[in-house]
Amino acid sequence: MSGPNLSVGRGEKQSVKRGGGLTAKGRKKYNRATGSNLKAPTKDRNSPRHKSFCARSKKWSSARGKAARRRWGCR
């Protein structure tokens, strides 16, 4: 199943220049459409969510993936 169509122009995603990832509006739309519970990036580098995201996204090589990793503070 694919999720809803999210757009930078409608303010649901951030541009790569601004750090990639979904905005609050985009998370809300995605959660409503799929029944998910996406959350905003955490600022706490020691939290399990932060460590898990950084570990599973290590091999992301697209510009959007790299921007999301920078936004999360992954090394």
Protein backbone atom coordinates (compact mmCIF):
# COMPACT_ATOMS: atom_id res chain seq x y z
CA MET A 1 0.00 0.00 0.00
CA SER A 2 1.39 3.40 -0.86
CA GLY A 3 0.74 6.50 1.19
CA PRO A 4 -0.91 9.75 0.15
CA ASN A 5 0.62 12.07 -2.42
CA LEU A 6 2.61 14.64 -0.39
CA SER A 7 3.97 17.83 -1.96
CA VAL A 8 6.55 20.48 -1.14
CA GLY A 9 4.34 23.10 -2.82
CA ARG A 10 1.37 22.37 -0.55
CA GLY A 11 3.59 22.59 2.53
CA GLU A 12 3.49 18.88 3.38
CA LYS A 13 7.19 18.21 2.83
CA GLN A 14 10.22 20.40 3.32
CA SER A 15 12.51 21.05 0.39
CA VAL A 16 15.93 19.41 0.41
CA LYS A 17 17.47 22.84 1.03
CA ARG A 18 15.37 23.27 4.17
CA GLY A 19 16.29 19.85 5.53
CA GLY A 20 13.95 17.34 3.86
CA GLY A 21 11.35 15.40 5.79
CA LEU A 22 7.68 15.98 6.45
CA THR A 23 6.14 19.04 8.04
CA ALA A 24 3.53 18.78 10.80
CA LYS A 25 0.87 19.18 8.11
CA GLY A 26 2.38 16.34 6.07
CA ARG A 27 2.62 14.02 9.08
CA LYS A 28 -1.01 14.73 9.94
CA LYS A 29 -2.16 14.00 6.37
CA TYR A 30 -0.09 10.79 6.19
CA ASN A 31 -1.30 9.56 9.59
CA ARG A 32 -4.93 10.27 8.71
CA ALA A 33 -4.66 8.45 5.35
CA THR A 34 -2.76 5.38 6.56
CA GLY A 35 -3.65 5.01 10.23
CA SER A 36 0.04 5.43 11.12
CA ASN A 37 1.50 7.42 13.99
CA LEU A 38 4.48 9.27 12.49
CA LYS A 39 6.19 11.64 14.90
CA ALA A 40 8.50 14.62 14.49
CA PRO A 41 12.27 14.14 14.72
CA THR A 42 13.53 14.00 18.28
CA LYS A 43 16.13 16.43 19.55
CA ASP A 44 17.45 13.99 22.17
CA ARG A 45 20.41 12.14 20.64
CA ASN A 46 20.25 9.44 23.31
CA SER A 47 16.62 8.49 22.71
CA PRO A 48 15.86 5.06 21.23
CA ARG A 49 13.95 6.67 18.32
CA HIS A 50 16.99 8.74 17.38
CA LYS A 51 19.39 5.82 17.51
CA SER A 52 17.00 3.59 15.58
CA PHE A 53 16.44 6.15 12.81
CA CYS A 54 20.14 6.84 12.39
CA ALA A 55 20.96 3.12 12.30
CA ARG A 56 18.35 2.21 9.68
CA SER A 57 19.03 5.22 7.45
CA LYS A 58 22.83 4.83 7.20
CA LYS A 59 22.74 3.73 3.57
CA TRP A 60 20.38 6.45 2.32
CA SER A 61 22.17 8.16 -0.56
CA SER A 62 19.57 10.43 -2.19
CA ALA A 63 19.64 14.17 -1.54
CA ARG A 64 16.37 13.95 0.41
CA GLY A 65 17.66 11.07 2.53
CA LYS A 66 20.90 12.86 3.33
CA ALA A 67 18.94 16.01 4.26
CA ALA A 68 16.71 14.01 6.61
CA ARG A 69 19.77 12.48 8.28
CA ARG A 70 21.27 15.96 8.76
CA ARG A 71 17.97 17.17 10.23
CA TRP A 72 17.97 14.32 12.74
CA GLY A 73 21.62 14.99 13.59
CA CYS A 74 22.90 11.59 12.44
CA ARG A 75 26.63 11.30 11.87
